[in-house]
Amino acid sequence: MYHQIADDIIKQISQKKYTEKLPSEAQLIEHYQVSRNTIRKAIDEVCQQGLLRRVKGSGYFINKITMNDAPVVNLSLGAGRAMREVDGHLASTVLTIDSVKADQFRADHLHVEVGATLIHVVRVRRLNGAPYCLENSYYVAQFVPEITEEDANNSIFKAINQRYGITVNNAENYLSVSNVKQHVDALPEIDLGQSYLTLTQVNYYANNVAFNFSTTQFFNQDMTFYFHSSQTFGGESK
């Protein structure tokens, strides 16, 4: 239950309903009709995603995630949601939805057998009409047997949560620089061989079961990536 409440709080923040501070715990308990423990778990989840900071005795305040005028991708939200939260009009074009067999590379990352069936989705995204990113995603068909074009045009993760009950529990993110290796008709502006920042991600749901592997190449040279960390190393907060 607290996951759904956390998602709703994030939605309210992204839609600017909460711009400075969250309502009090008592107000949230009344609004969602749940226990104090559930509300605190939900707030903790939102804090872990870098959207809130706690001020002792004053409550929870909204973090302003900005970097000059550059679009900011908050990877603490997960790549898919982070891209949807970027300011501006984000449009997707679905290039491919098909079934493929896992090669050794993807099998290793998804912890499946070589030859396991994967659902492959390729999407181009444009931000305010300009090339934003090219996304190649693979879903383990054992857990996600179908993805429709409607799903891909909207939110795949939302669709598979509603259809199969899968929610991202944690993710591995790798940032690198790589070349565009093949021509994409939907991206005539992008030159073959040019290097772009690339995000490789493995998403896990309950019991650390991997269900999604994706690579996303970003074409906006002014983009900023944001990570939130609350870990403590050697007694010092980093």
Protein backbone atom coordinates (compact mmCIF):
# COMPACT_ATOMS: atom_id res chain seq x y z
CA MET A 1 0.00 0.00 0.00
CA TYR A 2 2.76 2.47 0.88
CA HIS A 3 4.29 2.04 -2.61
CA GLN A 4 1.06 3.35 -4.16
CA ILE A 5 0.96 6.27 -1.71
CA ALA A 6 4.60 7.10 -2.50
CA ASP A 7 3.78 7.04 -6.22
CA ASP A 8 0.86 9.39 -5.65
CA ILE A 9 2.98 11.81 -3.60
CA ILE A 10 5.58 11.83 -6.40
CA LYS A 11 2.79 12.53 -8.89
CA GLN A 12 1.55 15.46 -6.79
CA ILE A 13 5.10 16.86 -6.63
CA SER A 14 5.63 16.49 -10.39
CA GLN A 15 2.29 18.18 -11.08
CA LYS A 16 3.29 21.05 -8.76
CA LYS A 17 0.47 20.43 -6.27
CA TYR A 18 3.16 20.32 -3.59
CA THR A 19 5.76 22.96 -4.40
CA GLU A 20 7.39 23.83 -1.09
CA LYS A 21 6.38 21.37 1.60
CA LEU A 22 4.38 18.18 2.12
CA PRO A 23 1.21 18.28 4.22
CA SER A 24 1.72 17.11 7.79
CA GLU A 25 1.71 13.40 8.65
CA ALA A 26 -1.70 13.86 10.28
CA GLN A 27 -3.10 15.43 7.10
CA LEU A 28 -1.66 12.65 4.93
CA ILE A 29 -3.07 9.99 7.27
CA GLU A 30 -6.49 11.62 6.97
CA HIS A 31 -6.19 11.98 3.18
CA TYR A 32 -5.10 8.40 2.46
CA GLN A 33 -6.96 6.75 5.36
CA VAL A 34 -3.99 4.64 6.44
CA SER A 35 -1.84 4.22 9.54
CA ARG A 36 1.02 6.50 10.59
CA ASN A 37 3.47 3.66 9.93
CA THR A 38 2.26 3.33 6.33
CA ILE A 39 2.56 7.08 5.74
CA ARG A 40 6.09 7.12 7.16
CA LYS A 41 7.13 4.23 4.89
CA ALA A 42 5.70 6.09 1.89
CA ILE A 43 7.51 9.31 2.83
CA ASP A 44 10.77 7.39 3.35
CA GLU A 45 10.43 5.97 -0.17
CA VAL A 46 9.96 9.45 -1.65
CA CYS A 47 12.95 10.72 0.37
CA GLN A 48 15.09 7.87 -1.01
CA GLN A 49 14.29 9.12 -4.51
CA GLY A 50 15.72 12.53 -3.72
CA LEU A 51 12.48 14.49 -3.84
CA LEU A 52 12.13 15.39 -0.15
CA ARG A 53 14.31 16.53 2.72
CA ARG A 54 13.33 16.39 6.38
CA VAL A 55 13.79 19.44 8.59
CA LYS A 56 13.51 18.42 12.23
CA GLY A 57 10.52 20.05 13.87
CA SER A 58 9.30 21.57 10.59
CA GLY A 59 8.32 18.65 8.35
CA TYR A 60 9.26 17.52 4.84
CA PHE A 61 10.27 20.01 2.16
CA ILE A 62 10.38 19.56 -1.62
CA ASN A 63 13.88 19.38 -3.09
CA LYS A 64 14.41 21.71 -6.04
CA ILE A 65 16.31 19.57 -8.53
CA THR A 66 17.77 22.02 -11.03
CA MET A 67 21.07 22.62 -12.82
CA ASN A 68 21.19 25.92 -14.72
CA ASP A 69 18.60 25.63 -17.52
CA ALA A 70 19.51 22.08 -18.56
CA PRO A 71 16.91 19.29 -18.53
CA VAL A 72 17.47 17.20 -15.39
CA VAL A 73 16.87 13.44 -15.42
CA ASN A 74 16.37 12.19 -11.86
CA LEU A 75 17.59 8.60 -12.08
CA SER A 76 16.55 8.02 -8.47
CA LEU A 77 13.03 7.76 -9.92
CA GLY A 78 14.09 5.10 -12.40
CA ALA A 79 14.93 6.00 -15.99
CA GLY A 80 11.44 5.62 -17.43
CA ARG A 81 9.67 7.80 -14.91
CA ALA A 82 12.58 10.26 -14.85
CA MET A 83 12.25 10.84 -18.58
CA ARG A 84 8.52 11.43 -18.26
CA GLU A 85 9.16 14.04 -15.54
CA VAL A 86 11.49 16.19 -17.69
CA ASP A 87 9.98 19.63 -18.33
CA GLY A 88 8.67 20.03 -21.87
CA HIS A 89 6.70 17.96 -24.37
CA LEU A 90 8.08 14.41 -24.58
CA ALA A 91 6.76 12.35 -27.51
CA SER A 92 7.52 8.69 -28.21
CA THR A 93 7.63 6.82 -31.51
CA VAL A 94 7.57 3.02 -31.32
CA LEU A 95 9.91 1.50 -33.91
CA THR A 96 9.86 -2.17 -32.91
CA ILE A 97 7.98 -4.61 -30.70
CA ASP A 98 9.03 -8.18 -31.32
CA SER A 99 10.11 -11.42 -29.69
CA VAL A 100 13.81 -12.34 -29.64
CA LYS A 101 16.06 -14.93 -28.02
CA ALA A 102 18.49 -13.88 -25.30
CA ASP A 103 22.13 -13.84 -26.35
CA GLN A 104 24.89 -14.45 -23.82
CA PHE A 105 25.24 -10.75 -22.94
CA ARG A 106 21.57 -10.18 -22.12
CA ALA A 107 21.18 -13.61 -20.54
CA ASP A 108 23.98 -12.76 -18.10
CA HIS A 109 22.38 -9.44 -17.13
CA LEU A 110 18.85 -10.84 -16.83
CA HIS A 111 19.94 -14.09 -15.14
CA VAL A 112 18.15 -16.26 -17.70
CA GLU A 113 19.27 -19.06 -19.99
CA VAL A 114 20.75 -18.25 -23.38
CA GLY A 115 17.85 -18.59 -25.82
CA ALA A 116 15.19 -17.50 -23.31
CA THR A 117 12.39 -15.50 -24.92
CA LEU A 118 12.55 -11.72 -24.51
CA ILE A 119 10.12 -9.02 -25.62
CA HIS A 120 12.16 -6.36 -27.47
CA VAL A 121 10.91 -2.76 -27.67
CA VAL A 122 12.67 0.07 -29.52
CA ARG A 123 11.45 3.64 -29.00
CA VAL A 124 12.60 7.06 -30.14
CA ARG A 125 11.77 9.96 -27.86
CA ARG A 126 11.73 13.65 -28.80
CA LEU A 127 11.70 16.55 -26.37
CA ASN A 128 9.96 19.63 -27.76
CA GLY A 129 10.47 18.18 -31.25
CA ALA A 130 14.23 17.65 -30.93
CA PRO A 131 15.90 14.21 -30.68
CA TYR A 132 16.06 13.23 -27.03
CA CYS A 133 16.95 9.54 -26.82
CA LEU A 134 16.88 6.12 -28.45
CA GLU A 135 15.77 3.33 -26.13
CA ASN A 136 16.27 -0.42 -26.60
CA SER A 137 14.47 -2.47 -23.93
CA TYR A 138 14.23 -6.21 -23.33
CA TYR A 139 11.64 -7.81 -21.03
CA VAL A 140 11.75 -11.42 -19.83
CA ALA A 141 8.70 -13.00 -21.47
CA GLN A 142 8.32 -15.44 -18.57
CA PHE A 143 7.28 -12.45 -16.43
CA VAL A 144 6.09 -9.99 -19.09
CA PRO A 145 4.54 -12.08 -21.88
CA GLU A 146 3.02 -9.17 -23.81
CA ILE A 147 3.66 -5.48 -24.45
CA THR A 148 1.28 -3.66 -26.78
CA GLU A 149 1.96 -0.60 -28.92
CA GLU A 150 -0.41 1.34 -26.67
CA ASP A 151 1.73 0.33 -23.67
CA ALA A 152 4.89 1.47 -25.45
CA ASN A 153 3.34 4.79 -26.49
CA ASN A 154 2.49 5.54 -22.87
CA SER A 155 4.17 3.87 -19.87
CA ILE A 156 5.32 0.26 -20.17
CA PHE A 157 6.07 -0.02 -16.46
CA LYS A 158 2.61 1.26 -15.54
CA ALA A 159 1.03 -1.24 -17.94
CA ILE A 160 2.95 -4.26 -16.65
CA ASN A 161 2.21 -3.23 -13.07
CA GLN A 162 -1.51 -3.17 -13.81
CA ARG A 163 -1.45 -6.34 -15.92
CA TYR A 164 1.11 -8.51 -14.12
CA GLY A 165 1.55 -6.86 -10.71
CA ILE A 166 5.24 -6.11 -11.34
CA THR A 167 6.74 -3.06 -9.63
CA VAL A 168 10.40 -2.05 -9.82
CA ASN A 169 12.02 -2.88 -6.50
CA ASN A 170 15.56 -1.78 -7.34
CA ALA A 171 17.75 -1.13 -10.36
CA GLU A 172 21.36 -1.19 -11.52
CA ASN A 173 22.41 1.85 -13.56
CA TYR A 174 25.55 2.15 -15.68
CA LEU A 175 26.56 5.36 -17.47
CA SER A 176 28.98 5.19 -20.39
CA VAL A 177 29.79 6.86 -23.69
CA SER A 178 29.04 4.85 -26.83
CA ASN A 179 28.57 5.32 -30.57
CA VAL A 180 25.40 5.08 -32.63
CA LYS A 181 26.16 1.88 -34.54
CA GLN A 182 23.34 1.75 -37.07
CA HIS A 183 21.21 4.24 -38.95
CA VAL A 184 17.74 4.93 -37.54
CA ASP A 185 15.27 6.28 -40.10
CA ALA A 186 13.32 8.08 -37.39
CA LEU A 187 16.48 9.98 -36.36
CA PRO A 188 17.95 11.47 -39.55
CA GLU A 189 19.67 14.18 -37.48
CA ILE A 190 21.91 11.65 -35.71
CA ASP A 191 25.23 10.74 -37.33
CA LEU A 192 26.60 7.21 -37.31
CA GLY A 193 29.72 6.88 -35.23
CA GLN A 194 29.01 9.93 -33.09
CA SER A 195 29.41 9.37 -29.34
CA TYR A 196 26.59 9.93 -26.86
CA LEU A 197 25.97 9.37 -23.19
CA THR A 198 24.38 5.94 -22.71
CA LEU A 199 22.44 4.63 -19.73
CA THR A 200 22.34 0.85 -19.31
CA GLN A 201 19.84 -0.35 -16.75
CA VAL A 202 18.72 -3.64 -15.22
CA ASN A 203 15.41 -3.49 -13.33
CA TYR A 204 14.43 -5.95 -10.61
CA TYR A 205 11.15 -6.66 -8.87
CA ALA A 206 10.36 -8.75 -5.75
CA ASN A 207 13.11 -11.07 -4.48
CA ASN A 208 15.64 -9.36 -6.77
CA VAL A 209 14.31 -11.04 -9.91
CA ALA A 210 15.50 -9.23 -13.05
CA PHE A 211 12.74 -8.61 -15.58
CA ASN A 212 14.05 -5.76 -17.77
CA PHE A 213 17.34 -4.81 -19.43
CA SER A 214 17.60 -1.57 -21.40
CA THR A 215 20.08 0.76 -23.06
CA THR A 216 19.20 4.39 -23.71
CA GLN A 217 21.34 6.78 -25.74
CA PHE A 218 20.73 10.46 -24.98
CA PHE A 219 21.22 13.05 -27.70
CA ASN A 220 20.63 16.27 -25.75
CA GLN A 221 24.12 17.63 -25.09
CA ASP A 222 22.88 19.93 -22.29
CA MET A 223 21.26 17.20 -20.22
CA THR A 224 22.05 16.71 -16.52
CA PHE A 225 21.66 13.41 -14.65
CA TYR A 226 20.75 13.47 -10.97
CA PHE A 227 21.36 10.67 -8.46
CA HIS A 228 20.31 10.75 -4.83
CA SER A 229 22.34 8.83 -2.26
CA SER A 230 21.67 8.44 1.44
CA GLN A 231 24.29 5.76 2.17
CA THR A 232 26.97 6.27 4.77
CA PHE A 233 30.54 5.21 4.06
CA GLY A 234 33.11 4.93 6.83
CA GLY A 235 30.97 7.03 9.14
CA GLU A 236 30.76 9.93 6.68
CA SER A 237 27.69 10.84 4.67
CA LYS A 238 28.48 11.06 0.96
